[in-house]
Protein backbone atom coordinates (compact mmCIF):
# COMPACT_ATOMS: atom_id res chain seq x y z
CA MET A 1 115.55 106.31 87.54
CA VAL A 2 112.52 108.50 88.02
CA ALA A 3 109.01 107.57 89.10
CA PRO A 4 105.82 109.53 89.75
CA GLY A 5 106.31 111.27 93.06
CA GLU A 6 104.82 114.73 92.80
CA LYS A 7 101.29 115.69 93.82
CA ILE A 8 100.26 112.08 94.51
CA LEU A 9 96.86 111.71 96.17
CA SER A 10 97.34 109.48 99.21
CA ALA A 11 95.55 108.36 102.37
CA TYR A 12 96.15 110.69 105.30
CA TYR A 13 96.55 109.58 108.91
CA GLY A 14 95.60 112.90 110.53
CA PHE A 15 92.11 113.03 109.08
CA ASP A 16 89.05 114.59 110.69
CA PRO A 17 86.28 111.95 110.91
CA ASN A 18 83.71 114.71 110.36
CA ASP A 19 85.34 115.88 107.12
CA PRO A 20 85.56 113.19 104.38
CA SER A 21 87.77 115.45 102.25
CA SER A 22 90.48 115.17 104.92
CA LEU A 23 90.89 111.41 104.33
CA MET A 24 93.18 112.06 101.37
CA VAL A 25 96.02 114.51 100.90
CA GLU A 26 98.30 115.46 98.02
CA MET A 27 101.93 114.65 98.83
CA SER A 28 105.26 114.64 97.00
CA GLY A 29 108.66 113.03 97.42
CA THR A 30 110.44 109.70 97.42
CA SER A 31 107.84 108.26 99.80
CA MET A 32 105.32 108.70 97.01
CA ALA A 33 107.61 107.48 94.19
CA ALA A 34 108.90 104.30 95.88
CA PRO A 35 105.50 102.52 95.95
CA HIS A 36 105.19 102.95 92.16
CA VAL A 37 108.48 101.11 91.60
CA SER A 38 107.69 98.51 94.28
CA GLY A 39 104.35 97.78 92.61
CA LEU A 40 106.01 97.47 89.22
CA LEU A 41 108.51 94.97 90.65
CA ALA A 42 105.75 93.00 92.39
CA GLY A 43 103.91 92.77 89.07
CA PHE A 44 107.08 91.66 87.31
CA LEU A 45 107.86 88.97 89.90
CA SER A 46 104.30 87.66 89.79
CA ALA A 47 104.69 87.09 86.05
CA ARG A 48 108.33 85.99 86.05
CA ARG A 49 108.61 83.89 89.19
CA GLU A 50 111.97 82.48 88.10
CA PHE A 51 113.52 85.82 89.13
CA ILE A 52 112.39 85.51 92.76
CA GLY A 53 115.49 85.26 94.94
CA PHE A 54 117.72 87.02 92.40
CA PRO A 55 117.49 90.73 93.33
CA ASP A 56 120.69 91.67 91.50
CA ARG A 57 119.34 90.28 88.21
CA VAL A 58 115.98 92.02 88.73
CA LYS A 59 117.71 95.32 89.51
CA GLN A 60 119.89 95.12 86.40
CA LEU A 61 116.90 94.23 84.23
CA LEU A 62 114.92 97.13 85.72
CA LEU A 63 117.71 99.60 85.00
CA ASP A 64 118.43 98.23 81.51
CA THR A 65 114.80 98.52 80.38
CA CYS A 66 113.94 102.03 81.60
CA THR A 67 112.54 104.43 79.02
CA ASP A 68 115.04 107.21 78.36
CA LEU A 69 113.44 110.66 78.70
CA GLN A 70 116.26 112.38 76.78
CA ARG A 71 117.03 114.56 79.78
CA ASP A 72 120.19 115.17 81.75
CA ARG A 73 121.33 111.89 83.36
CA TYR A 74 121.65 113.68 86.70
CA VAL A 75 117.94 114.54 86.47
CA GLN A 76 116.46 111.34 85.05
CA GLY A 77 119.01 108.65 85.91
CA ARG A 78 118.18 105.69 83.66
CA GLY A 79 114.70 107.04 82.89
CA VAL A 80 111.20 105.78 83.69
CA PRO A 81 110.74 102.11 84.65
CA ASN A 82 108.99 100.16 81.89
CA LEU A 83 107.24 96.95 82.95
CA MET A 84 106.32 95.88 79.43
CA ARG A 85 109.92 96.23 78.32
CA MET A 86 111.06 94.24 81.38
CA LEU A 87 108.66 91.43 80.56
CA GLY A 88 109.65 91.47 76.91
CA ALA A 89 113.35 91.27 77.73
CA THR A 90 112.99 87.95 79.58
């Protein structure tokens, strides 16, 4: 699957206290994409508590309900995670 992970504005640990613009930095990569998927799953589990403790079922549901981007499978995997589709499928 794919998730937003390019040019994400994030907090920055090496900031200059005298320069407020240094508190945030634009970053890219899996470290930026993973929190989007984690947040989606947290939202799903808060609404569908019966899935807590069943990670294999949640994973399969996540993969089965991704929105297909009509791109090469090696580029997009299953597509973009879709929380509304996940909730609707349960």
